[in-house]
Amino acid sequence: MKFEDLQVWKRSSRLCADIYKAFGQCRDFGFKDQITRSALSIASNIAEGYERDMDKDRVKFLSYAKASCAELRTQAYIGIEIGYISAGQGKRWIEETREISRMLYALMRTIRTA
């Protein structure tokens, strides 16, 4: 299977694009850089893991992607608190990172038991 076929990669790529669009005009370059990098890291680590030859390496990179979901979720909470992200948008992103994390966990479990 190609990484492009994975629903978790498709969803994380869409989330990343949404975040880049939302912060395109943000002048707080520190926050903008951090939140866009963590979003980009999710889809990128899924892709990198799926191009690895060994299952152990795949799981390691999927774990990195899952950790980036937690990082992005934290930044969304902070962004809401400081007024950079609307409560509604932030809650959608938070829920999407939770769902992506669940999908990654299930995928890692499947690879480990194969």
PDB file of N, CA and C in Angstrom:
ATOM      1  N   MET A   1       0.842  -1.190   0.000  1.00  0.00           N
ATOM      2  CA  MET A   1       0.000   0.000   0.000  1.00  0.00           C
ATOM      3  C   MET A   1       0.882   1.247   0.000  1.00  0.00           C
ATOM      4  N   LYS A   2       0.478   2.239  -0.771  1.00  0.00           N
ATOM      5  CA  LYS A   2       1.182   3.518  -0.802  1.00  0.00           C
ATOM      6  C   LYS A   2       0.637   4.412   0.301  1.00  0.00           C
ATOM      7  N   PHE A   3       1.489   5.276   0.818  1.00  0.00           N
ATOM      8  CA  PHE A   3       1.031   6.175   1.883  1.00  0.00           C
ATOM      9  C   PHE A   3      -0.095   7.082   1.400  1.00  0.00           C
ATOM     10  N   GLU A   4      -0.084   7.419   0.109  1.00  0.00           N
ATOM     11  CA  GLU A   4      -1.134   8.281  -0.441  1.00  0.00           C
ATOM     12  C   GLU A   4      -2.525   7.646  -0.371  1.00  0.00           C
ATOM     13  N   ASP A   5      -2.571   6.327  -0.208  1.00  0.00           N
ATOM     14  CA  ASP A   5      -3.843   5.606  -0.118  1.00  0.00           C
ATOM     15  C   ASP A   5      -4.402   5.564   1.295  1.00  0.00           C
ATOM     16  N   LEU A   6      -3.584   5.919   2.282  1.00  0.00           N
ATOM     17  CA  LEU A   6      -4.012   5.847   3.678  1.00  0.00           C
ATOM     18  C   LEU A   6      -4.950   7.002   4.028  1.00  0.00           C
ATOM     19  N   GLN A   7      -6.090   6.691   4.613  1.00  0.00           N
ATOM     20  CA  GLN A   7      -7.026   7.733   5.038  1.00  0.00           C
ATOM     21  C   GLN A   7      -6.393   8.657   6.070  1.00  0.00           C
ATOM     22  N   VAL A   8      -5.574   8.094   6.949  1.00  0.00           N
ATOM     23  CA  VAL A   8      -4.944   8.912   7.983  1.00  0.00           C
ATOM     24  C   VAL A   8      -3.985   9.932   7.367  1.00  0.00           C
ATOM     25  N   TRP A   9      -3.305   9.561   6.306  1.00  0.00           N
ATOM     26  CA  TRP A   9      -2.422  10.510   5.616  1.00  0.00           C
ATOM     27  C   TRP A   9      -3.247  11.588   4.911  1.00  0.00           C
ATOM     28  N   LYS A  10      -4.330  11.184   4.261  1.00  0.00           N
ATOM     29  CA  LYS A  10      -5.192  12.153   3.575  1.00  0.00           C
ATOM     30  C   LYS A  10      -5.769  13.167   4.565  1.00  0.00           C
ATOM     31  N   ARG A  11      -6.253  12.685   5.701  1.00  0.00           N
ATOM     32  CA  ARG A  11      -6.840  13.583   6.691  1.00  0.00           C
ATOM     33  C   ARG A  11      -5.793  14.506   7.298  1.00  0.00           C
ATOM     34  N   SER A  12      -4.618  13.971   7.589  1.00  0.00           N
ATOM     35  CA  SER A  12      -3.578  14.817   8.176  1.00  0.00           C
ATOM     36  C   SER A  12      -3.066  15.841   7.167  1.00  0.00           C
ATOM     37  N   SER A  13      -3.038  15.494   5.897  1.00  0.00           N
ATOM     38  CA  SER A  13      -2.641  16.450   4.857  1.00  0.00           C
ATOM     39  C   SER A  13      -3.653  17.574   4.734  1.00  0.00           C
ATOM     40  N   ARG A  14      -4.938  17.240   4.784  1.00  0.00           N
ATOM     41  CA  ARG A  14      -5.984  18.273   4.725  1.00  0.00           C
ATOM     42  C   ARG A  14      -5.922  19.186   5.944  1.00  0.00           C
ATOM     43  N   LEU A  15      -5.702  18.586   7.114  1.00  0.00           N
ATOM     44  CA  LEU A  15      -5.578  19.381   8.338  1.00  0.00           C
ATOM     45  C   LEU A  15      -4.408  20.351   8.221  1.00  0.00           C
ATOM     46  N   CYS A  16      -3.294  19.863   7.736  1.00  0.00           N
ATOM     47  CA  CYS A  16      -2.116  20.710   7.564  1.00  0.00           C
ATOM     48  C   CYS A  16      -2.415  21.871   6.615  1.00  0.00           C
ATOM     49  N   ALA A  17      -3.054  21.586   5.502  1.00  0.00           N
ATOM     50  CA  ALA A  17      -3.391  22.644   4.538  1.00  0.00           C
ATOM     51  C   ALA A  17      -4.324  23.673   5.174  1.00  0.00           C
ATOM     52  N   ASP A  18      -5.290  23.204   5.961  1.00  0.00           N
ATOM     53  CA  ASP A  18      -6.211  24.130   6.648  1.00  0.00           C
ATOM     54  C   ASP A  18      -5.448  25.059   7.587  1.00  0.00           C
ATOM     55  N   ILE A  19      -4.505  24.507   8.307  1.00  0.00           N
ATOM     56  CA  ILE A  19      -3.742  25.302   9.270  1.00  0.00           C
ATOM     57  C   ILE A  19      -2.844  26.305   8.543  1.00  0.00           C
ATOM     58  N   TYR A  20      -2.201  25.879   7.480  1.00  0.00           N
ATOM     59  CA  TYR A  20      -1.379  26.814   6.701  1.00  0.00           C
ATOM     60  C   TYR A  20      -2.225  27.966   6.176  1.00  0.00           C
ATOM     61  N   LYS A  21      -3.417  27.660   5.662  1.00  0.00           N
ATOM     62  CA  LYS A  21      -4.298  28.709   5.151  1.00  0.00           C
ATOM     63  C   LYS A  21      -4.732  29.659   6.268  1.00  0.00           C
ATOM     64  N   ALA A  22      -5.069  29.091   7.423  1.00  0.00           N
ATOM     65  CA  ALA A  22      -5.554  29.907   8.541  1.00  0.00           C
ATOM     66  C   ALA A  22      -4.484  30.865   9.059  1.00  0.00           C
ATOM     67  N   PHE A  23      -3.220  30.463   8.977  1.00  0.00           N
ATOM     68  CA  PHE A  23      -2.145  31.279   9.530  1.00  0.00           C
ATOM     69  C   PHE A  23      -1.315  31.998   8.467  1.00  0.00           C
ATOM     70  N   GLY A  24      -1.817  32.017   7.250  1.00  0.00           N
ATOM     71  CA  GLY A  24      -1.091  32.664   6.163  1.00  0.00           C
ATOM     72  C   GLY A  24      -0.738  34.114   6.432  1.00  0.00           C
ATOM     73  N   GLN A  25      -1.625  34.841   7.085  1.00  0.00           N
ATOM     74  CA  GLN A  25      -1.408  36.268   7.339  1.00  0.00           C
ATOM     75  C   GLN A  25      -0.975  36.560   8.778  1.00  0.00           C
ATOM     76  N   CYS A  26      -0.758  35.544   9.566  1.00  0.00           N
ATOM     77  CA  CYS A  26      -0.376  35.737  10.968  1.00  0.00           C
ATOM     78  C   CYS A  26       1.009  36.379  11.054  1.00  0.00           C
ATOM     79  N   ARG A  27       1.110  37.426  11.868  1.00  0.00           N
ATOM     80  CA  ARG A  27       2.380  38.139  12.002  1.00  0.00           C
ATOM     81  C   ARG A  27       3.204  37.663  13.197  1.00  0.00           C
ATOM     82  N   ASP A  28       2.635  36.780  13.996  1.00  0.00           N
ATOM     83  CA  ASP A  28       3.402  36.173  15.084  1.00  0.00           C
ATOM     84  C   ASP A  28       4.134  34.974  14.490  1.00  0.00           C
ATOM     85  N   PHE A  29       5.324  35.249  13.976  1.00  0.00           N
ATOM     86  CA  PHE A  29       6.038  34.230  13.208  1.00  0.00           C
ATOM     87  C   PHE A  29       6.478  33.047  14.058  1.00  0.00           C
ATOM     88  N   GLY A  30       6.711  33.260  15.342  1.00  0.00           N
ATOM     89  CA  GLY A  30       7.074  32.148  16.226  1.00  0.00           C
ATOM     90  C   GLY A  30       5.944  31.158  16.355  1.00  0.00           C
ATOM     91  N   PHE A  31       4.752  31.652  16.671  1.00  0.00           N
ATOM     92  CA  PHE A  31       3.592  30.776  16.814  1.00  0.00           C
ATOM     93  C   PHE A  31       3.230  30.146  15.475  1.00  0.00           C
ATOM     94  N   LYS A  32       3.213  30.957  14.430  1.00  0.00           N
ATOM     95  CA  LYS A  32       2.879  30.465  13.091  1.00  0.00           C
ATOM     96  C   LYS A  32       3.821  29.343  12.668  1.00  0.00           C
ATOM     97  N   ASP A  33       5.114  29.552  12.877  1.00  0.00           N
ATOM     98  CA  ASP A  33       6.102  28.543  12.506  1.00  0.00           C
ATOM     99  C   ASP A  33       5.885  27.254  13.292  1.00  0.00           C
ATOM    100  N   GLN A  34       5.638  27.377  14.578  1.00  0.00           N
ATOM    101  CA  GLN A  34       5.500  26.198  15.426  1.00  0.00           C
ATOM    102  C   GLN A  34       4.252  25.387  15.071  1.00  0.00           C
ATOM    103  N   ILE A  35       3.122  26.058  14.894  1.00  0.00           N
ATOM    104  CA  ILE A  35       1.882  25.323  14.630  1.00  0.00           C
ATOM    105  C   ILE A  35       1.881  24.718  13.221  1.00  0.00           C
ATOM    106  N   THR A  36       2.448  25.424  12.248  1.00  0.00           N
ATOM    107  CA  THR A  36       2.490  24.864  10.898  1.00  0.00           C
ATOM    108  C   THR A  36       3.498  23.716  10.813  1.00  0.00           C
ATOM    109  N   ARG A  37       4.605  23.822  11.538  1.00  0.00           N
ATOM    110  CA  ARG A  37       5.596  22.740  11.522  1.00  0.00           C
ATOM    111  C   ARG A  37       5.054  21.469  12.168  1.00  0.00           C
ATOM    112  N   SER A  38       4.330  21.603  13.270  1.00  0.00           N
ATOM    113  CA  SER A  38       3.784  20.404  13.901  1.00  0.00           C
ATOM    114  C   SER A  38       2.716  19.775  13.008  1.00  0.00           C
ATOM    115  N   ALA A  39       1.901  20.598  12.348  1.00  0.00           N
ATOM    116  CA  ALA A  39       0.897  20.062  11.423  1.00  0.00           C
ATOM    117  C   ALA A  39       1.559  19.354  10.241  1.00  0.00           C
ATOM    118  N   LEU A  40       2.580  19.975   9.686  1.00  0.00           N
ATOM    119  CA  LEU A  40       3.296  19.386   8.556  1.00  0.00           C
ATOM    120  C   LEU A  40       3.988  18.083   8.949  1.00  0.00           C
ATOM    121  N   SER A  41       4.446  18.007  10.169  1.00  0.00           N
ATOM    122  CA  SER A  41       5.161  16.831  10.655  1.00  0.00           C
ATOM    123  C   SER A  41       4.286  15.580  10.690  1.00  0.00           C
ATOM    124  N   ILE A  42       2.996  15.743  10.912  1.00  0.00           N
ATOM    125  CA  ILE A  42       2.112  14.573  11.003  1.00  0.00           C
ATOM    126  C   ILE A  42       2.102  13.823   9.670  1.00  0.00           C
ATOM    127  N   ALA A  43       1.674  14.495   8.618  1.00  0.00           N
ATOM    128  CA  ALA A  43       1.601  13.844   7.307  1.00  0.00           C
ATOM    129  C   ALA A  43       2.984  13.426   6.803  1.00  0.00           C
ATOM    130  N   SER A  44       3.992  14.242   7.070  1.00  0.00           N
ATOM    131  CA  SER A  44       5.344  13.931   6.597  1.00  0.00           C
ATOM    132  C   SER A  44       5.893  12.667   7.246  1.00  0.00           C
ATOM    133  N   ASN A  45       5.670  12.495   8.537  1.00  0.00           N
ATOM    134  CA  ASN A  45       6.168  11.294   9.207  1.00  0.00           C
ATOM    135  C   ASN A  45       5.409  10.046   8.797  1.00  0.00           C
ATOM    136  N   ILE A  46       4.124  10.187   8.504  1.00  0.00           N
ATOM    137  CA  ILE A  46       3.375   9.036   7.973  1.00  0.00           C
ATOM    138  C   ILE A  46       3.990   8.611   6.640  1.00  0.00           C
ATOM    139  N   ALA A  47       4.237   9.575   5.767  1.00  0.00           N
ATOM    140  CA  ALA A  47       4.822   9.276   4.456  1.00  0.00           C
ATOM    141  C   ALA A  47       6.213   8.662   4.603  1.00  0.00           C
ATOM    142  N   GLU A  48       7.033   9.263   5.446  1.00  0.00           N
ATOM    143  CA  GLU A  48       8.394   8.744   5.621  1.00  0.00           C
ATOM    144  C   GLU A  48       8.368   7.326   6.179  1.00  0.00           C
ATOM    145  N   GLY A  49       7.508   7.083   7.150  1.00  0.00           N
ATOM    146  CA  GLY A  49       7.408   5.746   7.722  1.00  0.00           C
ATOM    147  C   GLY A  49       6.979   4.713   6.709  1.00  0.00           C
ATOM    148  N   TYR A  50       6.051   5.079   5.854  1.00  0.00           N
ATOM    149  CA  TYR A  50       5.555   4.119   4.878  1.00  0.00           C
ATOM    150  C   TYR A  50       6.528   3.844   3.749  1.00  0.00           C
ATOM    151  N   GLU A  51       7.533   4.669   3.613  1.00  0.00           N
ATOM    152  CA  GLU A  51       8.574   4.413   2.624  1.00  0.00           C
ATOM    153  C   GLU A  51       9.721   3.590   3.210  1.00  0.00           C
ATOM    154  N   ARG A  52       9.681   3.313   4.493  1.00  0.00           N
ATOM    155  CA  ARG A  52      10.701   2.485   5.137  1.00  0.00           C
ATOM    156  C   ARG A  52      10.449   1.011   4.833  1.00  0.00           C
ATOM    157  N   ASP A  53      11.521   0.227   4.841  1.00  0.00           N
ATOM    158  CA  ASP A  53      11.412  -1.187   4.506  1.00  0.00           C
ATOM    159  C   ASP A  53      11.004  -2.058   5.690  1.00  0.00           C
ATOM    160  N   MET A  54      11.344  -1.631   6.881  1.00  0.00           N
ATOM    161  CA  MET A  54      11.104  -2.479   8.049  1.00  0.00           C
ATOM    162  C   MET A  54       9.897  -1.989   8.850  1.00  0.00           C
ATOM    163  N   ASP A  55       9.094  -2.935   9.336  1.00  0.00           N
ATOM    164  CA  ASP A  55       7.924  -2.587  10.131  1.00  0.00           C
ATOM    165  C   ASP A  55       8.297  -1.799  11.375  1.00  0.00           C
ATOM    166  N   LYS A  56       9.420  -2.139  11.989  1.00  0.00           N
ATOM    167  CA  LYS A  56       9.865  -1.413  13.185  1.00  0.00           C
ATOM    168  C   LYS A  56      10.048   0.073  12.877  1.00  0.00           C
ATOM    169  N   ASP A  57      10.631   0.377  11.732  1.00  0.00           N
ATOM    170  CA  ASP A  57      10.827   1.774  11.321  1.00  0.00           C
ATOM    171  C   ASP A  57       9.495   2.442  10.999  1.00  0.00           C
ATOM    172  N   ARG A  58       8.590   1.695  10.367  1.00  0.00           N
ATOM    173  CA  ARG A  58       7.264   2.258  10.073  1.00  0.00           C
ATOM    174  C   ARG A  58       6.575   2.698  11.356  1.00  0.00           C
ATOM    175  N   VAL A  59       6.586   1.809  12.337  1.00  0.00           N
ATOM    176  CA  VAL A  59       5.930   2.111  13.615  1.00  0.00           C
ATOM    177  C   VAL A  59       6.592   3.304  14.286  1.00  0.00           C
ATOM    178  N   LYS A  60       7.916   3.389  14.220  1.00  0.00           N
ATOM    179  CA  LYS A  60       8.628   4.508  14.837  1.00  0.00           C
ATOM    180  C   LYS A  60       8.173   5.843  14.241  1.00  0.00           C
ATOM    181  N   PHE A  61       8.064   5.919  12.920  1.00  0.00           N
ATOM    182  CA  PHE A  61       7.659   7.174  12.289  1.00  0.00           C
ATOM    183  C   PHE A  61       6.177   7.472  12.502  1.00  0.00           C
ATOM    184  N   LEU A  62       5.358   6.441  12.571  1.00  0.00           N
ATOM    185  CA  LEU A  62       3.946   6.656  12.906  1.00  0.00           C
ATOM    186  C   LEU A  62       3.822   7.180  14.335  1.00  0.00           C
ATOM    187  N   SER A  63       4.705   6.714  15.209  1.00  0.00           N
ATOM    188  CA  SER A  63       4.732   7.216  16.589  1.00  0.00           C
ATOM    189  C   SER A  63       5.130   8.693  16.612  1.00  0.00           C
ATOM    190  N   TYR A  64       6.077   9.081  15.780  1.00  0.00           N
ATOM    191  CA  TYR A  64       6.449  10.493  15.673  1.00  0.00           C
ATOM    192  C   TYR A  64       5.242  11.319  15.213  1.00  0.00           C
ATOM    193  N   ALA A  65       4.513  10.790  14.234  1.00  0.00           N
ATOM    194  CA  ALA A  65       3.331  11.493  13.732  1.00  0.00           C
ATOM    195  C   ALA A  65       2.295  11.651  14.841  1.00  0.00           C
ATOM    196  N   LYS A  66       2.117  10.601  15.631  1.00  0.00           N
ATOM    197  CA  LYS A  66       1.155  10.651  16.741  1.00  0.00           C
ATOM    198  C   LYS A  66       1.583  11.703  17.769  1.00  0.00           C
ATOM    199  N   ALA A  67       2.865  11.776  18.052  1.00  0.00           N
ATOM    200  CA  ALA A  67       3.372  12.792  18.980  1.00  0.00           C
ATOM    201  C   ALA A  67       3.159  14.201  18.423  1.00  0.00           C
ATOM    202  N   SER A  68       3.317  14.359  17.120  1.00  0.00           N
ATOM    203  CA  SER A  68       3.068  15.662  16.500  1.00  0.00           C
ATOM    204  C   SER A  68       1.599  16.049  16.604  1.00  0.00           C
ATOM    205  N   CYS A  69       0.704  15.062  16.610  1.00  0.00           N
ATOM    206  CA  CYS A  69      -0.725  15.350  16.833  1.00  0.00           C
ATOM    207  C   CYS A  69      -0.927  15.972  18.211  1.00  0.00           C
ATOM    208  N   ALA A  70      -0.253  15.424  19.209  1.00  0.00           N
ATOM    209  CA  ALA A  70      -0.366  15.974  20.561  1.00  0.00           C
ATOM    210  C   ALA A  70       0.214  17.383  20.618  1.00  0.00           C
ATOM    211  N   GLU A  71       1.317  17.605  19.925  1.00  0.00           N
ATOM    212  CA  GLU A  71       1.924  18.936  19.878  1.00  0.00           C
ATOM    213  C   GLU A  71       0.963  19.931  19.223  1.00  0.00           C
ATOM    214  N   LEU A  72       0.375  19.543  18.111  1.00  0.00           N
ATOM    215  CA  LEU A  72      -0.563  20.415  17.417  1.00  0.00           C
ATOM    216  C   LEU A  72      -1.799  20.683  18.278  1.00  0.00           C
ATOM    217  N   ARG A  73      -2.277  19.661  18.956  1.00  0.00           N
ATOM    218  CA  ARG A  73      -3.442  19.833  19.826  1.00  0.00           C
ATOM    219  C   ARG A  73      -3.140  20.842  20.930  1.00  0.00           C
ATOM    220  N   THR A  74      -1.959  20.759  21.510  1.00  0.00           N
ATOM    221  CA  THR A  74      -1.534  21.713  22.544  1.00  0.00           C
ATOM    222  C   THR A  74      -1.508  23.125  21.985  1.00  0.00           C
ATOM    223  N   GLN A  75      -0.968  23.296  20.802  1.00  0.00           N
ATOM    224  CA  GLN A  75      -0.884  24.617  20.189  1.00  0.00           C
ATOM    225  C   GLN A  75      -2.269  25.162  19.852  1.00  0.00           C
ATOM    226  N   ALA A  76      -3.188  24.281  19.495  1.00  0.00           N
ATOM    227  CA  ALA A  76      -4.561  24.718  19.239  1.00  0.00           C
ATOM    228  C   ALA A  76      -5.204  25.235  20.524  1.00  0.00           C
ATOM    229  N   TYR A  77      -5.011  24.514  21.624  1.00  0.00           N
ATOM    230  CA  TYR A  77      -5.547  24.989  22.910  1.00  0.00           C
ATOM    231  C   TYR A  77      -4.982  26.369  23.263  1.00  0.00           C
ATOM    232  N   ILE A  78      -3.691  26.516  23.086  1.00  0.00           N
ATOM    233  CA  ILE A  78      -3.052  27.797  23.397  1.00  0.00           C
ATOM    234  C   ILE A  78      -3.532  28.879  22.432  1.00  0.00           C
ATOM    235  N   GLY A  79      -3.634  28.539  21.155  1.00  0.00           N
ATOM    236  CA  GLY A  79      -4.115  29.493  20.164  1.00  0.00           C
ATOM    237  C   GLY A  79      -5.519  29.999  20.472  1.00  0.00           C
ATOM    238  N   ILE A  80      -6.370  29.126  20.975  1.00  0.00           N
ATOM    239  CA  ILE A  80      -7.713  29.541  21.385  1.00  0.00           C
ATOM    240  C   ILE A  80      -7.602  30.505  22.563  1.00  0.00           C
ATOM    241  N   GLU A  81      -6.791  30.134  23.526  1.00  0.00           N
ATOM    242  CA  GLU A  81      -6.647  30.926  24.753  1.00  0.00           C
ATOM    243  C   GLU A  81      -6.124  32.337  24.480  1.00  0.00           C
ATOM    244  N   ILE A  82      -5.230  32.465  23.526  1.00  0.00           N
ATOM    245  CA  ILE A  82      -4.643  33.788  23.258  1.00  0.00           C
ATOM    246  C   ILE A  82      -5.366  34.540  22.140  1.00  0.00           C
ATOM    247  N   GLY A  83      -6.419  33.935  21.606  1.00  0.00           N
ATOM    248  CA  GLY A  83      -7.234  34.624  20.616  1.00  0.00           C
ATOM    249  C   GLY A  83      -6.766  34.511  19.177  1.00  0.00           C
ATOM    250  N   TYR A  84      -5.828  33.630  18.890  1.00  0.00           N
ATOM    251  CA  TYR A  84      -5.360  33.444  17.517  1.00  0.00           C
ATOM    252  C   TYR A  84      -6.282  32.511  16.730  1.00  0.00           C
ATOM    253  N   ILE A  85      -7.004  31.658  17.447  1.00  0.00           N
ATOM    254  CA  ILE A  85      -7.868  30.656  16.829  1.00  0.00           C
ATOM    255  C   ILE A  85      -9.250  30.793  17.451  1.00  0.00           C
ATOM    256  N   SER A  86     -10.279  30.814  16.621  1.00  0.00           N
ATOM    257  CA  SER A  86     -11.639  30.881  17.169  1.00  0.00           C
ATOM    258  C   SER A  86     -11.932  29.576  17.903  1.00  0.00           C
ATOM    259  N   ALA A  87     -12.805  29.649  18.882  1.00  0.00           N
ATOM    260  CA  ALA A  87     -13.138  28.462  19.676  1.00  0.00           C
ATOM    261  C   ALA A  87     -13.691  27.348  18.788  1.00  0.00           C
ATOM    262  N   GLY A  88     -14.554  27.692  17.857  1.00  0.00           N
ATOM    263  CA  GLY A  88     -15.140  26.679  16.977  1.00  0.00           C
ATOM    264  C   GLY A  88     -14.104  25.997  16.104  1.00  0.00           C
ATOM    265  N   GLN A  89     -13.236  26.803  15.474  1.00  0.00           N
ATOM    266  CA  GLN A  89     -12.183  26.238  14.624  1.00  0.00           C
ATOM    267  C   GLN A  89     -11.223  25.400  15.450  1.00  0.00           C
ATOM    268  N   GLY A  90     -10.837  25.922  16.596  1.00  0.00           N
ATOM    269  CA  GLY A  90      -9.912  25.195  17.459  1.00  0.00           C
ATOM    270  C   GLY A  90     -10.466  23.857  17.900  1.00  0.00           C
ATOM    271  N   LYS A  91     -11.729  23.827  18.270  1.00  0.00           N
ATOM    272  CA  LYS A  91     -12.351  22.561  18.689  1.00  0.00           C
ATOM    273  C   LYS A  91     -12.382  21.555  17.554  1.00  0.00           C
ATOM    274  N   ARG A  92     -12.616  22.033  16.332  1.00  0.00           N
ATOM    275  CA  ARG A  92     -12.590  21.117  15.171  1.00  0.00           C
ATOM    276  C   ARG A  92     -11.194  20.548  14.966  1.00  0.00           C
ATOM    277  N   TRP A  93     -10.168  21.401  15.054  1.00  0.00           N
ATOM    278  CA  TRP A  93      -8.797  20.920  14.898  1.00  0.00           C
ATOM    279  C   TRP A  93      -8.416  19.964  16.027  1.00  0.00           C
ATOM    280  N   ILE A  94      -8.822  20.280  17.235  1.00  0.00           N
ATOM    281  CA  ILE A  94      -8.521  19.414  18.375  1.00  0.00           C
ATOM    282  C   ILE A  94      -9.159  18.046  18.170  1.00  0.00           C
ATOM    283  N   GLU A  95     -10.412  18.026  17.767  1.00  0.00           N
ATOM    284  CA  GLU A  95     -11.081  16.739  17.538  1.00  0.00           C
ATOM    285  C   GLU A  95     -10.434  15.978  16.391  1.00  0.00           C
ATOM    286  N   GLU A  96     -10.033  16.683  15.351  1.00  0.00           N
ATOM    287  CA  GLU A  96      -9.378  16.011  14.221  1.00  0.00           C
ATOM    288  C   GLU A  96      -8.038  15.413  14.650  1.00  0.00           C
ATOM    289  N   THR A  97      -7.275  16.109  15.477  1.00  0.00           N
ATOM    290  CA  THR A  97      -6.007  15.532  15.944  1.00  0.00           C
ATOM    291  C   THR A  97      -6.264  14.314  16.821  1.00  0.00           C
ATOM    292  N   ARG A  98      -7.323  14.331  17.598  1.00  0.00           N
ATOM    293  CA  ARG A  98      -7.663  13.146  18.408  1.00  0.00           C
ATOM    294  C   ARG A  98      -8.001  11.961  17.512  1.00  0.00           C
ATOM    295  N   GLU A  99      -8.790  12.213  16.481  1.00  0.00           N
ATOM    296  CA  GLU A  99      -9.173  11.138  15.569  1.00  0.00           C
ATOM    297  C   GLU A  99      -7.961  10.615  14.793  1.00  0.00           C
ATOM    298  N   ILE A 100      -7.118  11.502  14.321  1.00  0.00           N
ATOM    299  CA  ILE A 100      -5.895  11.076  13.619  1.00  0.00           C
ATOM    300  C   ILE A 100      -5.012  10.260  14.559  1.00  0.00           C
ATOM    301  N   SER A 101      -4.900  10.671  15.809  1.00  0.00           N
ATOM    302  CA  SER A 101      -4.116   9.906  16.789  1.00  0.00           C
ATOM    303  C   SER A 101      -4.676   8.499  16.967  1.00  0.00           C
ATOM    304  N   ARG A 102      -5.994   8.389  17.046  1.00  0.00           N
ATOM    305  CA  ARG A 102      -6.617   7.058  17.175  1.00  0.00           C
ATOM    306  C   ARG A 102      -6.327   6.201  15.947  1.00  0.00           C
ATOM    307  N   MET A 103      -6.415   6.826  14.774  1.00  0.00           N
ATOM    308  CA  MET A 103      -6.131   6.096  13.536  1.00  0.00           C
ATOM    309  C   MET A 103      -4.680   5.630  13.485  1.00  0.00           C
ATOM    310  N   LEU A 104      -3.763   6.489  13.917  1.00  0.00           N
ATOM    311  CA  LEU A 104      -2.345   6.126  13.936  1.00  0.00           C
ATOM    312  C   LEU A 104      -2.087   4.987  14.916  1.00  0.00           C
ATOM    313  N   TYR A 105      -2.702   5.060  16.088  1.00  0.00           N
ATOM    314  CA  TYR A 105      -2.534   4.000  17.081  1.00  0.00           C
ATOM    315  C   TYR A 105      -3.017   2.661  16.522  1.00  0.00           C
ATOM    316  N   ALA A 106      -4.174   2.668  15.878  1.00  0.00           N
ATOM    317  CA  ALA A 106      -4.708   1.433  15.296  1.00  0.00           C
ATOM    318  C   ALA A 106      -3.786   0.899  14.200  1.00  0.00           C
ATOM    319  N   LEU A 107      -3.246   1.789  13.396  1.00  0.00           N
ATOM    320  CA  LEU A 107      -2.336   1.379  12.326  1.00  0.00           C
ATOM    321  C   LEU A 107      -1.053   0.793  12.909  1.00  0.00           C
ATOM    322  N   MET A 108      -0.515   1.430  13.947  1.00  0.00           N
ATOM    323  CA  MET A 108       0.698   0.900  14.603  1.00  0.00           C
ATOM    324  C   MET A 108       0.432  -0.489  15.182  1.00  0.00           C
ATOM    325  N   ARG A 109      -0.710  -0.661  15.819  1.00  0.00           N
ATOM    326  CA  ARG A 109      -1.063  -1.952  16.421  1.00  0.00           C
ATOM    327  C   ARG A 109      -1.164  -3.023  15.344  1.00  0.00           C
ATOM    328  N   THR A 110      -1.767  -2.659  14.201  1.00  0.00           N
ATOM    329  CA  THR A 110      -1.895  -3.605  13.087  1.00  0.00           C
ATOM    330  C   THR A 110      -0.526  -4.024  12.561  1.00  0.00           C
ATOM    331  N   ILE A 111       0.362  -3.074  12.411  1.00  0.00           N
ATOM    332  CA  ILE A 111       1.707  -3.382  11.898  1.00  0.00           C
ATOM    333  C   ILE A 111       2.454  -4.272  12.898  1.00  0.00           C
ATOM    334  N   ARG A 112       2.351  -3.955  14.174  1.00  0.00           N
ATOM    335  CA  ARG A 112       3.066  -4.729  15.206  1.00  0.00           C
ATOM    336  C   ARG A 112       2.604  -6.177  15.275  1.00  0.00           C
ATOM    337  N   THR A 113       1.326  -6.438  14.994  1.00  0.00           N
ATOM    338  CA  THR A 113       0.799  -7.796  15.123  1.00  0.00           C
ATOM    339  C   THR A 113       0.827  -8.563  13.810  1.00  0.00           C
ATOM    340  N   ALA A 114       1.298  -7.928  12.752  1.00  0.00           N
ATOM    341  CA  ALA A 114       1.336  -8.593  11.433  1.00  0.00           C
ATOM    342  C   ALA A 114       2.457  -9.613  11.365  1.00  0.00           C
TER     343      ALA A 114
END
